[in-house]
């Protein structure tokens, strides 16, 4: 079955995001997080009245601000009347191997499915279960488009923290909104402008746009030191691919925490300075999304003041998707 969301399709491990060639090259935490299955999904179709899944993850893990379903679970979407609708989730127990019926008691008509994989764990084995005698086969509908892929680089939020289930990560939402394959290169706490990740981004087949959302993990000094070089790696290898700079969202607790607010302002200024410098140098296919557009204004879009709830993920996607759509039009 086709697997979507990988930077390099044939790379191993199959359900990991980074190719094995980066093991020992990338910093250890980047490699470990790159083995997580964030943003990856399987496409198939079936006429079975139920869909089950059996999957094995690398470790038993959990976090105090994110659901186990988001961390280690699965998420099933079905195509209905031209729209991808949530059908059921694979809610894991705190164990390495799980078997779950994702949806049942359907009418037995042939349906197209997306099965999103775990956001903060590494899927090592995956089986799909159906009623004996029914059909399980590759998709008949070509979706999403593998032309002009959306390649997104960032932090724990981009990796999926803290969506309640994998289909609610904002990269998943953006993919459904725009109908293009999204490559999720979010690394929790480690979106720190590692140059080998920039080079990996340039190896994606037919990239349509690069999105840089690394500010939450980068102090101003790090942005000043590395971001222009990171940008230049992308631009030199892919001169026609638009690049979108995204500011750090306005975290609700900055209303009270003035030290953090000052730090955030410094980071944003450094990020904006790189964009302005590139713009002044004549770069035309670059875009900038300001912080105030990313979340709602009532302070209720996060779990812990930083990581997004499903509502925060949706608000972010609604703010970023139109700019990505505009950027994709520039890449023809």
C-alpha atoms as a PDB file:
ATOM      1  CA  UNK A   1       0.000   0.000   0.000  1.00  0.00           C
ATOM      2  CA  UNK A   2       1.307   3.513  -0.716  1.00  0.00           C
ATOM      3  CA  UNK A   3       2.963   5.214   2.232  1.00  0.00           C
ATOM      4  CA  UNK A   4       2.861   9.011   2.284  1.00  0.00           C
ATOM      5  CA  UNK A   5       4.811  11.594   4.254  1.00  0.00           C
ATOM      6  CA  UNK A   6       8.380  10.296   3.820  1.00  0.00           C
ATOM      7  CA  UNK A   7      11.065  12.682   2.656  1.00  0.00           C
ATOM      8  CA  UNK A   8      12.738   9.889   0.693  1.00  0.00           C
ATOM      9  CA  UNK A   9      10.238   7.207  -0.242  1.00  0.00           C
ATOM     10  CA  UNK A  10      12.548   4.184  -0.370  1.00  0.00           C
ATOM     11  CA  UNK A  11      14.490   5.000   2.801  1.00  0.00           C
ATOM     12  CA  UNK A  12      14.612   2.748   5.851  1.00  0.00           C
ATOM     13  CA  UNK A  13      13.178   2.333   8.419  1.00  0.00           C
ATOM     14  CA  UNK A  14       9.907   2.137   6.491  1.00  0.00           C
ATOM     15  CA  UNK A  15       7.787   3.915   9.100  1.00  0.00           C
ATOM     16  CA  UNK A  16      10.489   6.421  10.060  1.00  0.00           C
ATOM     17  CA  UNK A  17      11.055   9.893   8.673  1.00  0.00           C
ATOM     18  CA  UNK A  18      14.840   9.993   8.395  1.00  0.00           C
ATOM     19  CA  UNK A  19      16.901   7.741   6.115  1.00  0.00           C
ATOM     20  CA  UNK A  20      19.347   5.356   7.755  1.00  0.00           C
ATOM     21  CA  UNK A  21      22.208   7.315   6.161  1.00  0.00           C
ATOM     22  CA  UNK A  22      21.655  10.031   8.776  1.00  0.00           C
ATOM     23  CA  UNK A  23      22.185   7.633  11.692  1.00  0.00           C
ATOM     24  CA  UNK A  24      25.417   8.823  13.256  1.00  0.00           C
ATOM     25  CA  UNK A  25      25.335  12.015  11.210  1.00  0.00           C
ATOM     26  CA  UNK A  26      22.395  13.750  12.861  1.00  0.00           C
ATOM     27  CA  UNK A  27      22.543  14.566  16.563  1.00  0.00           C
ATOM     28  CA  UNK A  28      21.218  11.639  18.624  1.00  0.00           C
ATOM     29  CA  UNK A  29      17.922  13.308  19.630  1.00  0.00           C
ATOM     30  CA  UNK A  30      17.232  14.347  16.027  1.00  0.00           C
ATOM     31  CA  UNK A  31      17.796  10.785  14.845  1.00  0.00           C
ATOM     32  CA  UNK A  32      15.607   9.281  17.584  1.00  0.00           C
ATOM     33  CA  UNK A  33      12.776  11.701  16.890  1.00  0.00           C
ATOM     34  CA  UNK A  34      13.226  11.173  13.164  1.00  0.00           C
ATOM     35  CA  UNK A  35      12.377   7.504  13.733  1.00  0.00           C
ATOM     36  CA  UNK A  36       8.949   8.577  15.008  1.00  0.00           C
ATOM     37  CA  UNK A  37       6.170   8.118  12.462  1.00  0.00           C
ATOM     38  CA  UNK A  38       4.781  11.670  12.593  1.00  0.00           C
ATOM     39  CA  UNK A  39       2.959  12.690   9.442  1.00  0.00           C
ATOM     40  CA  UNK A  40       3.178   9.268   7.812  1.00  0.00           C
ATOM     41  CA  UNK A  41       0.026   7.571   6.568  1.00  0.00           C
ATOM     42  CA  UNK A  42      -1.126   4.585   4.546  1.00  0.00           C
ATOM     43  CA  UNK A  43      -3.706   4.779   1.740  1.00  0.00           C
ATOM     44  CA  UNK A  44      -5.971   1.851   0.895  1.00  0.00           C
ATOM     45  CA  UNK A  45      -9.558   0.920   0.103  1.00  0.00           C
ATOM     46  CA  UNK A  46     -11.871  -1.825   1.301  1.00  0.00           C
ATOM     47  CA  UNK A  47     -15.500  -2.976   1.281  1.00  0.00           C
ATOM     48  CA  UNK A  48     -15.223  -4.589   4.692  1.00  0.00           C
ATOM     49  CA  UNK A  49     -17.930  -3.579   7.220  1.00  0.00           C
ATOM     50  CA  UNK A  50     -15.167  -3.110   9.778  1.00  0.00           C
ATOM     51  CA  UNK A  51     -11.531  -2.018   9.690  1.00  0.00           C
ATOM     52  CA  UNK A  52      -9.137  -3.224  12.363  1.00  0.00           C
ATOM     53  CA  UNK A  53      -5.457  -2.625  12.917  1.00  0.00           C
ATOM     54  CA  UNK A  54      -2.662  -4.464  14.671  1.00  0.00           C
ATOM     55  CA  UNK A  55       0.496  -2.452  15.192  1.00  0.00           C
ATOM     56  CA  UNK A  56       3.755  -2.610  17.086  1.00  0.00           C
ATOM     57  CA  UNK A  57       5.587   0.468  18.336  1.00  0.00           C
ATOM     58  CA  UNK A  58       9.176   0.802  19.469  1.00  0.00           C
ATOM     59  CA  UNK A  59       8.510   1.593  23.106  1.00  0.00           C
ATOM     60  CA  UNK A  60       5.879   2.076  25.770  1.00  0.00           C
ATOM     61  CA  UNK A  61       5.782   5.823  26.202  1.00  0.00           C
ATOM     62  CA  UNK A  62       3.453   8.508  27.396  1.00  0.00           C
ATOM     63  CA  UNK A  63       3.422  12.188  28.237  1.00  0.00           C
ATOM     64  CA  UNK A  64       1.502  14.141  30.850  1.00  0.00           C
ATOM     65  CA  UNK A  65       0.202  16.707  28.351  1.00  0.00           C
ATOM     66  CA  UNK A  66      -0.685  14.526  25.340  1.00  0.00           C
ATOM     67  CA  UNK A  67      -3.067  11.621  24.803  1.00  0.00           C
ATOM     68  CA  UNK A  68      -1.744   8.101  24.320  1.00  0.00           C
ATOM     69  CA  UNK A  69      -3.684   8.023  21.040  1.00  0.00           C
ATOM     70  CA  UNK A  70      -1.687  10.994  19.782  1.00  0.00           C
ATOM     71  CA  UNK A  71       1.610   9.602  21.025  1.00  0.00           C
ATOM     72  CA  UNK A  72       1.326   5.935  19.993  1.00  0.00           C
ATOM     73  CA  UNK A  73      -2.055   5.463  18.328  1.00  0.00           C
ATOM     74  CA  UNK A  74      -3.531   5.372  14.842  1.00  0.00           C
ATOM     75  CA  UNK A  75      -6.208   7.475  13.163  1.00  0.00           C
ATOM     76  CA  UNK A  76      -8.544   6.379  10.360  1.00  0.00           C
ATOM     77  CA  UNK A  77     -10.212   8.730   7.871  1.00  0.00           C
ATOM     78  CA  UNK A  78     -12.651   7.724   5.119  1.00  0.00           C
ATOM     79  CA  UNK A  79     -13.667   9.528   1.943  1.00  0.00           C
ATOM     80  CA  UNK A  80     -17.375  10.395   1.998  1.00  0.00           C
ATOM     81  CA  UNK A  81     -19.104  12.636  -0.529  1.00  0.00           C
ATOM     82  CA  UNK A  82     -15.774  14.024  -1.654  1.00  0.00           C
ATOM     83  CA  UNK A  83     -14.630  14.897   1.867  1.00  0.00           C
ATOM     84  CA  UNK A  84     -12.205  13.128   4.190  1.00  0.00           C
ATOM     85  CA  UNK A  85     -14.053  12.366   7.429  1.00  0.00           C
ATOM     86  CA  UNK A  86     -12.797  10.963  10.716  1.00  0.00           C
ATOM     87  CA  UNK A  87     -13.867   7.306  10.978  1.00  0.00           C
ATOM     88  CA  UNK A  88     -12.173   6.004  14.114  1.00  0.00           C
ATOM     89  CA  UNK A  89      -9.015   5.984  16.175  1.00  0.00           C
ATOM     90  CA  UNK A  90      -6.669   3.265  17.326  1.00  0.00           C
ATOM     91  CA  UNK A  91      -6.474   3.904  21.051  1.00  0.00           C
ATOM     92  CA  UNK A  92      -3.459   2.055  22.389  1.00  0.00           C
ATOM     93  CA  UNK A  93      -2.967   0.427  25.746  1.00  0.00           C
ATOM     94  CA  UNK A  94       0.334   1.096  27.482  1.00  0.00           C
ATOM     95  CA  UNK A  95       2.031  -1.776  25.668  1.00  0.00           C
ATOM     96  CA  UNK A  96       4.159  -2.316  22.585  1.00  0.00           C
ATOM     97  CA  UNK A  97       1.639  -4.356  20.560  1.00  0.00           C
ATOM     98  CA  UNK A  98      -2.009  -3.359  20.137  1.00  0.00           C
ATOM     99  CA  UNK A  99      -5.002  -4.666  18.216  1.00  0.00           C
ATOM    100  CA  UNK A 100      -8.004  -2.354  17.828  1.00  0.00           C
ATOM    101  CA  UNK A 101     -11.163  -2.248  15.722  1.00  0.00           C
ATOM    102  CA  UNK A 102     -11.063   1.263  14.271  1.00  0.00           C
ATOM    103  CA  UNK A 103     -14.587   1.329  12.838  1.00  0.00           C
ATOM    104  CA  UNK A 104     -17.380  -1.257  12.591  1.00  0.00           C
ATOM    105  CA  UNK A 105     -21.002  -1.888  11.511  1.00  0.00           C
ATOM    106  CA  UNK A 106     -20.596  -0.154   8.148  1.00  0.00           C
ATOM    107  CA  UNK A 107     -22.757  -0.973   5.122  1.00  0.00           C
ATOM    108  CA  UNK A 108     -20.046  -2.865   3.221  1.00  0.00           C
ATOM    109  CA  UNK A 109     -19.670  -0.409   0.359  1.00  0.00           C
ATOM    110  CA  UNK A 110     -16.200   0.155  -1.105  1.00  0.00           C
ATOM    111  CA  UNK A 111     -14.485   3.088   0.633  1.00  0.00           C
ATOM    112  CA  UNK A 112     -11.178   4.929   0.363  1.00  0.00           C
ATOM    113  CA  UNK A 113      -9.165   5.272   3.590  1.00  0.00           C
ATOM    114  CA  UNK A 114      -6.280   7.171   5.132  1.00  0.00           C
ATOM    115  CA  UNK A 115      -4.585   5.576   8.139  1.00  0.00           C
ATOM    116  CA  UNK A 116      -2.391   8.079  10.009  1.00  0.00           C
ATOM    117  CA  UNK A 117       0.452   6.683  12.120  1.00  0.00           C
ATOM    118  CA  UNK A 118       1.695   7.571  15.613  1.00  0.00           C
ATOM    119  CA  UNK A 119       3.077  11.064  16.231  1.00  0.00           C
ATOM    120  CA  UNK A 120       5.574  10.467  19.059  1.00  0.00           C
ATOM    121  CA  UNK A 121       6.414   6.789  18.739  1.00  0.00           C
ATOM    122  CA  UNK A 122       7.969   4.640  16.039  1.00  0.00           C
ATOM    123  CA  UNK A 123       5.638   2.193  14.311  1.00  0.00           C
ATOM    124  CA  UNK A 124       7.653  -0.947  13.558  1.00  0.00           C
ATOM    125  CA  UNK A 125       4.962  -3.307  12.263  1.00  0.00           C
ATOM    126  CA  UNK A 126       1.462  -2.670  10.908  1.00  0.00           C
ATOM    127  CA  UNK A 127      -1.365  -4.951   9.810  1.00  0.00           C
ATOM    128  CA  UNK A 128      -4.848  -4.019   8.589  1.00  0.00           C
ATOM    129  CA  UNK A 129      -7.715  -6.371   9.400  1.00  0.00           C
ATOM    130  CA  UNK A 130     -10.957  -6.888   7.442  1.00  0.00           C
ATOM    131  CA  UNK A 131     -13.824  -9.379   7.277  1.00  0.00           C
ATOM    132  CA  UNK A 132     -12.775 -12.635   5.601  1.00  0.00           C
ATOM    133  CA  UNK A 133     -13.812 -12.673   1.957  1.00  0.00           C
ATOM    134  CA  UNK A 134     -13.892  -8.893   1.615  1.00  0.00           C
ATOM    135  CA  UNK A 135     -11.453  -6.800  -0.414  1.00  0.00           C
ATOM    136  CA  UNK A 136      -8.401  -4.934   0.817  1.00  0.00           C
ATOM    137  CA  UNK A 137      -6.395  -3.241  -1.926  1.00  0.00           C
ATOM    138  CA  UNK A 138      -4.518  -0.147  -2.965  1.00  0.00           C
ATOM    139  CA  UNK A 139      -6.459   3.097  -3.451  1.00  0.00           C
ATOM    140  CA  UNK A 140      -8.367   3.834  -6.645  1.00  0.00           C
ATOM    141  CA  UNK A 141      -8.398   7.578  -5.926  1.00  0.00           C
ATOM    142  CA  UNK A 142      -5.071   9.352  -6.327  1.00  0.00           C
ATOM    143  CA  UNK A 143      -4.968  11.398  -3.159  1.00  0.00           C
ATOM    144  CA  UNK A 144      -3.150  13.377  -1.991  1.00  0.00           C
ATOM    145  CA  UNK A 145      -1.182  14.715  -4.934  1.00  0.00           C
ATOM    146  CA  UNK A 146       2.479  13.762  -4.898  1.00  0.00           C
ATOM    147  CA  UNK A 147       3.251  16.690  -7.145  1.00  0.00           C
ATOM    148  CA  UNK A 148       4.604  19.802  -5.412  1.00  0.00           C
ATOM    149  CA  UNK A 149       4.985  18.365  -1.942  1.00  0.00           C
ATOM    150  CA  UNK A 150       4.672  20.622   1.115  1.00  0.00           C
ATOM    151  CA  UNK A 151       7.889  20.183   3.112  1.00  0.00           C
ATOM    152  CA  UNK A 152       7.562  21.539   6.653  1.00  0.00           C
ATOM    153  CA  UNK A 153      10.422  21.923   9.147  1.00  0.00           C
ATOM    154  CA  UNK A 154       9.946  22.721  12.799  1.00  0.00           C
ATOM    155  CA  UNK A 155       9.625  21.713  16.415  1.00  0.00           C
ATOM    156  CA  UNK A 156       7.469  19.680  18.793  1.00  0.00           C
ATOM    157  CA  UNK A 157       4.319  21.480  17.682  1.00  0.00           C
ATOM    158  CA  UNK A 158       4.964  20.620  14.055  1.00  0.00           C
ATOM    159  CA  UNK A 159       5.751  17.030  15.033  1.00  0.00           C
ATOM    160  CA  UNK A 160       2.221  16.932  16.429  1.00  0.00           C
ATOM    161  CA  UNK A 161       2.339  18.080  20.045  1.00  0.00           C
ATOM    162  CA  UNK A 162      -0.229  17.950  21.484  1.00  0.00           C
ATOM    163  CA  UNK A 163      -2.887  16.748  19.042  1.00  0.00           C
ATOM    164  CA  UNK A 164      -5.351  14.316  20.585  1.00  0.00           C
ATOM    165  CA  UNK A 165      -4.919  11.932  17.640  1.00  0.00           C
ATOM    166  CA  UNK A 166      -2.635  11.791  14.577  1.00  0.00           C
ATOM    167  CA  UNK A 167      -5.166  13.155  12.098  1.00  0.00           C
ATOM    168  CA  UNK A 168      -5.387  16.372  14.107  1.00  0.00           C
ATOM    169  CA  UNK A 169      -1.710  17.318  13.789  1.00  0.00           C
ATOM    170  CA  UNK A 170      -1.691  20.533  11.793  1.00  0.00           C
ATOM    171  CA  UNK A 171       0.406  18.961   9.028  1.00  0.00           C
ATOM    172  CA  UNK A 172      -2.360  16.355   8.606  1.00  0.00           C
ATOM    173  CA  UNK A 173      -5.030  19.052   8.558  1.00  0.00           C
ATOM    174  CA  UNK A 174      -3.097  21.118   6.002  1.00  0.00           C
ATOM    175  CA  UNK A 175      -2.672  18.046   3.817  1.00  0.00           C
ATOM    176  CA  UNK A 176      -6.431  17.451   3.774  1.00  0.00           C
ATOM    177  CA  UNK A 177      -7.128  21.134   3.172  1.00  0.00           C
ATOM    178  CA  UNK A 178      -4.803  21.468   0.195  1.00  0.00           C
ATOM    179  CA  UNK A 179      -4.749  17.961  -1.227  1.00  0.00           C
ATOM    180  CA  UNK A 180      -0.950  17.818  -1.408  1.00  0.00           C
ATOM    181  CA  UNK A 181       1.387  15.387   0.318  1.00  0.00           C
ATOM    182  CA  UNK A 182       2.946  16.983   3.401  1.00  0.00           C
ATOM    183  CA  UNK A 183       6.383  15.995   4.699  1.00  0.00           C
ATOM    184  CA  UNK A 184       6.502  16.464   8.493  1.00  0.00           C
ATOM    185  CA  UNK A 185      10.047  17.258   9.639  1.00  0.00           C
ATOM    186  CA  UNK A 186       9.205  18.423  13.137  1.00  0.00           C
ATOM    187  CA  UNK A 187      11.630  17.417  15.893  1.00  0.00           C
ATOM    188  CA  UNK A 188      10.508  17.939  19.464  1.00  0.00           C
ATOM    189  CA  UNK A 189      12.872  20.383  21.167  1.00  0.00           C
ATOM    190  CA  UNK A 190      15.322  19.934  18.312  1.00  0.00           C
ATOM    191  CA  UNK A 191      14.212  22.117  15.416  1.00  0.00           C
ATOM    192  CA  UNK A 192      17.590  23.815  15.737  1.00  0.00           C
ATOM    193  CA  UNK A 193      18.570  24.391  12.113  1.00  0.00           C
ATOM    194  CA  UNK A 194      20.662  21.246  11.620  1.00  0.00           C
ATOM    195  CA  UNK A 195      22.103  21.585   8.145  1.00  0.00           C
ATOM    196  CA  UNK A 196      21.733  17.913   7.208  1.00  0.00           C
ATOM    197  CA  UNK A 197      17.962  18.334   7.586  1.00  0.00           C
ATOM    198  CA  UNK A 198      18.041  21.224   5.123  1.00  0.00           C
ATOM    199  CA  UNK A 199      19.949  18.995   2.709  1.00  0.00           C
ATOM    200  CA  UNK A 200      17.371  16.237   3.243  1.00  0.00           C
ATOM    201  CA  UNK A 201      14.591  18.694   2.409  1.00  0.00           C
ATOM    202  CA  UNK A 202      16.255  19.409  -0.931  1.00  0.00           C
ATOM    203  CA  UNK A 203      16.246  15.675  -1.708  1.00  0.00           C
ATOM    204  CA  UNK A 204      12.450  15.442  -1.549  1.00  0.00           C
ATOM    205  CA  UNK A 205      11.117  14.559  -4.983  1.00  0.00           C
ATOM    206  CA  UNK A 206       9.273  17.516  -6.541  1.00  0.00           C
ATOM    207  CA  UNK A 207       9.039  19.872  -3.533  1.00  0.00           C
ATOM    208  CA  UNK A 208       6.375  22.532  -3.969  1.00  0.00           C
ATOM    209  CA  UNK A 209       7.166  24.707  -0.955  1.00  0.00           C
ATOM    210  CA  UNK A 210       9.452  24.730   2.071  1.00  0.00           C
ATOM    211  CA  UNK A 211       7.993  25.950   5.389  1.00  0.00           C
ATOM    212  CA  UNK A 212      10.378  27.078   8.138  1.00  0.00           C
ATOM    213  CA  UNK A 213       8.723  27.006  11.573  1.00  0.00           C
ATOM    214  CA  UNK A 214      11.805  26.525  13.738  1.00  0.00           C
ATOM    215  CA  UNK A 215      11.658  29.640  15.940  1.00  0.00           C
ATOM    216  CA  UNK A 216      10.178  27.896  19.042  1.00  0.00           C
ATOM    217  CA  UNK A 217      13.413  25.883  19.410  1.00  0.00           C
ATOM    218  CA  UNK A 218      15.873  28.621  18.436  1.00  0.00           C
ATOM    219  CA  UNK A 219      17.225  31.394  20.598  1.00  0.00           C
ATOM    220  CA  UNK A 220      17.909  34.635  18.761  1.00  0.00           C
ATOM    221  CA  UNK A 221      21.662  33.976  18.703  1.00  0.00           C
ATOM    222  CA  UNK A 222      21.150  30.576  17.068  1.00  0.00           C
ATOM    223  CA  UNK A 223      18.892  32.099  14.417  1.00  0.00           C
ATOM    224  CA  UNK A 224      21.512  34.749  13.689  1.00  0.00           C
ATOM    225  CA  UNK A 225      24.221  32.089  13.486  1.00  0.00           C
ATOM    226  CA  UNK A 226      22.529  29.408  11.378  1.00  0.00           C
ATOM    227  CA  UNK A 227      19.246  30.357   9.729  1.00  0.00           C
ATOM    228  CA  UNK A 228      20.663  32.181   6.716  1.00  0.00           C
ATOM    229  CA  UNK A 229      22.907  29.206   5.919  1.00  0.00           C
ATOM    230  CA  UNK A 230      19.955  26.826   6.351  1.00  0.00           C
ATOM    231  CA  UNK A 231      17.965  28.998   3.953  1.00  0.00           C
ATOM    232  CA  UNK A 232      20.842  29.137   1.489  1.00  0.00           C
ATOM    233  CA  UNK A 233      21.130  25.324   1.381  1.00  0.00           C
ATOM    234  CA  UNK A 234      17.476  25.172   0.361  1.00  0.00           C
ATOM    235  CA  UNK A 235      17.698  27.996  -2.131  1.00  0.00           C
ATOM    236  CA  UNK A 236      20.935  26.927  -3.819  1.00  0.00           C
ATOM    237  CA  UNK A 237      19.668  23.387  -4.434  1.00  0.00           C
ATOM    238  CA  UNK A 238      16.042  24.335  -5.206  1.00  0.00           C
ATOM    239  CA  UNK A 239      16.105  27.853  -6.681  1.00  0.00           C
ATOM    240  CA  UNK A 240      12.477  27.792  -7.859  1.00  0.00           C
ATOM    241  CA  UNK A 241      10.858  26.420  -4.678  1.00  0.00           C
ATOM    242  CA  UNK A 242       9.094  29.068  -2.568  1.00  0.00           C
ATOM    243  CA  UNK A 243      10.086  29.316   1.097  1.00  0.00           C
ATOM    244  CA  UNK A 244       7.669  30.363   3.857  1.00  0.00           C
ATOM    245  CA  UNK A 245       8.992  31.820   7.130  1.00  0.00           C
ATOM    246  CA  UNK A 246       6.644  31.334  10.098  1.00  0.00           C
ATOM    247  CA  UNK A 247       6.962  33.328  13.304  1.00  0.00           C
ATOM    248  CA  UNK A 248       6.595  31.770  16.756  1.00  0.00           C
ATOM    249  CA  UNK A 249       2.948  31.754  17.795  1.00  0.00           C
ATOM    250  CA  UNK A 250       1.986  34.153  20.583  1.00  0.00           C
ATOM    251  CA  UNK A 251       1.835  31.877  23.605  1.00  0.00           C
ATOM    252  CA  UNK A 252      -0.957  32.831  26.018  1.00  0.00           C
ATOM    253  CA  UNK A 253       1.280  32.823  29.094  1.00  0.00           C
ATOM    254  CA  UNK A 254       3.433  35.632  27.648  1.00  0.00           C
ATOM    255  CA  UNK A 255       0.688  37.954  28.880  1.00  0.00           C
ATOM    256  CA  UNK A 256       2.003  37.206  32.366  1.00  0.00           C
ATOM    257  CA  UNK A 257       5.584  35.985  31.887  1.00  0.00           C
ATOM    258  CA  UNK A 258       7.460  39.117  30.823  1.00  0.00           C
ATOM    259  CA  UNK A 259      10.890  37.474  30.689  1.00  0.00           C
ATOM    260  CA  UNK A 260       9.632  34.921  28.210  1.00  0.00           C
ATOM    261  CA  UNK A 261       7.787  37.611  26.279  1.00  0.00           C
ATOM    262  CA  UNK A 262      11.048  39.548  25.852  1.00  0.00           C
ATOM    263  CA  UNK A 263      12.833  36.388  24.734  1.00  0.00           C
ATOM    264  CA  UNK A 264      10.121  35.684  22.174  1.00  0.00           C
ATOM    265  CA  UNK A 265      10.332  39.212  20.786  1.00  0.00           C
ATOM    266  CA  UNK A 266      14.096  38.787  20.316  1.00  0.00           C
ATOM    267  CA  UNK A 267      13.629  35.487  18.491  1.00  0.00           C
ATOM    268  CA  UNK A 268      11.000  36.939  16.186  1.00  0.00           C
ATOM    269  CA  UNK A 269      13.189  39.926  15.402  1.00  0.00           C
ATOM    270  CA  UNK A 270      16.098  37.669  14.453  1.00  0.00           C
ATOM    271  CA  UNK A 271      13.843  35.508  12.266  1.00  0.00           C
ATOM    272  CA  UNK A 272      12.357  38.560  10.562  1.00  0.00           C
ATOM    273  CA  UNK A 273      15.829  39.998   9.975  1.00  0.00           C
ATOM    274  CA  UNK A 274      16.831  36.929   7.952  1.00  0.00           C
ATOM    275  CA  UNK A 275      13.688  37.222   5.843  1.00  0.00           C
ATOM    276  CA  UNK A 276      14.187  40.957   5.328  1.00  0.00           C
ATOM    277  CA  UNK A 277      17.812  40.402   4.323  1.00  0.00           C
ATOM    278  CA  UNK A 278      16.789  37.803   1.746  1.00  0.00           C
ATOM    279  CA  UNK A 279      14.043  40.063   0.447  1.00  0.00           C
ATOM    280  CA  UNK A 280      16.467  42.968   0.124  1.00  0.00           C
ATOM    281  CA  UNK A 281      18.896  40.688  -1.721  1.00  0.00           C
ATOM    282  CA  UNK A 282      16.258  40.132  -4.399  1.00  0.00           C
ATOM    283  CA  UNK A 283      14.643  36.857  -3.323  1.00  0.00           C
ATOM    284  CA  UNK A 284      11.133  36.855  -4.781  1.00  0.00           C
ATOM    285  CA  UNK A 285       9.665  33.477  -3.874  1.00  0.00           C
ATOM    286  CA  UNK A 286       9.637  33.994  -0.113  1.00  0.00           C
ATOM    287  CA  UNK A 287       6.705  34.551   2.208  1.00  0.00           C
ATOM    288  CA  UNK A 288       6.298  35.547   5.846  1.00  0.00           C
ATOM    289  CA  UNK A 289       3.558  34.663   8.352  1.00  0.00           C
ATOM    290  CA  UNK A 290       3.347  36.793  11.467  1.00  0.00           C
ATOM    291  CA  UNK A 291       2.667  35.398  14.922  1.00  0.00           C
ATOM    292  CA  UNK A 292      -0.627  37.173  15.502  1.00  0.00           C
ATOM    293  CA  UNK A 293      -2.307  35.228  12.708  1.00  0.00           C
ATOM    294  CA  UNK A 294      -1.548  31.726  14.004  1.00  0.00           C
ATOM    295  CA  UNK A 295      -3.816  31.178  17.017  1.00  0.00           C
ATOM    296  CA  UNK A 296      -7.100  32.442  18.383  1.00  0.00           C
ATOM    297  CA  UNK A 297      -7.067  35.455  20.660  1.00  0.00           C
ATOM    298  CA  UNK A 298      -8.773  33.981  23.724  1.00  0.00           C
ATOM    299  CA  UNK A 299      -5.744  32.059  25.040  1.00  0.00           C
ATOM    300  CA  UNK A 300      -7.463  28.673  24.824  1.00  0.00           C
ATOM    301  CA  UNK A 301      -5.476  27.077  21.971  1.00  0.00           C
ATOM    302  CA  UNK A 302      -2.787  25.299  23.999  1.00  0.00           C
ATOM    303  CA  UNK A 303      -2.492  22.444  26.486  1.00  0.00           C
ATOM    304  CA  UNK A 304       0.273  23.989  28.567  1.00  0.00           C
ATOM    305  CA  UNK A 305       0.777  27.502  27.243  1.00  0.00           C
ATOM    306  CA  UNK A 306       2.937  26.265  24.349  1.00  0.00           C
ATOM    307  CA  UNK A 307       1.758  23.060  22.674  1.00  0.00           C
ATOM    308  CA  UNK A 308      -1.427  23.166  20.647  1.00  0.00           C
ATOM    309  CA  UNK A 309      -4.753  21.543  21.388  1.00  0.00           C
ATOM    310  CA  UNK A 310      -6.809  20.295  18.425  1.00  0.00           C
ATOM    311  CA  UNK A 311      -8.374  23.756  18.324  1.00  0.00           C
ATOM    312  CA  UNK A 312      -4.929  25.346  18.200  1.00  0.00           C
ATOM    313  CA  UNK A 313      -3.873  22.950  15.439  1.00  0.00           C
ATOM    314  CA  UNK A 314      -6.959  23.901  13.444  1.00  0.00           C
ATOM    315  CA  UNK A 315      -6.418  27.640  13.906  1.00  0.00           C
ATOM    316  CA  UNK A 316      -2.778  27.270  12.864  1.00  0.00           C
ATOM    317  CA  UNK A 317      -3.724  25.291   9.750  1.00  0.00           C
ATOM    318  CA  UNK A 318      -6.378  27.844   8.809  1.00  0.00           C
ATOM    319  CA  UNK A 319      -3.786  30.625   9.058  1.00  0.00           C
ATOM    320  CA  UNK A 320      -0.933  28.872   7.263  1.00  0.00           C
ATOM    321  CA  UNK A 321      -2.742  26.932   4.512  1.00  0.00           C
ATOM    322  CA  UNK A 322      -3.748  30.017   2.447  1.00  0.00           C
ATOM    323  CA  UNK A 323      -0.130  31.217   2.366  1.00  0.00           C
ATOM    324  CA  UNK A 324       1.089  27.756   1.369  1.00  0.00           C
ATOM    325  CA  UNK A 325      -1.557  27.658  -1.372  1.00  0.00           C
ATOM    326  CA  UNK A 326      -0.341  31.033  -2.634  1.00  0.00           C
ATOM    327  CA  UNK A 327       3.276  29.851  -2.525  1.00  0.00           C
ATOM    328  CA  UNK A 328       2.432  26.673  -4.451  1.00  0.00           C
ATOM    329  CA  UNK A 329       1.008  28.798  -7.257  1.00  0.00           C
ATOM    330  CA  UNK A 330       4.403  30.482  -7.558  1.00  0.00           C
ATOM    331  CA  UNK A 331       6.067  27.122  -8.177  1.00  0.00           C
ATOM    332  CA  UNK A 332       5.112  26.252 -11.739  1.00  0.00           C
END
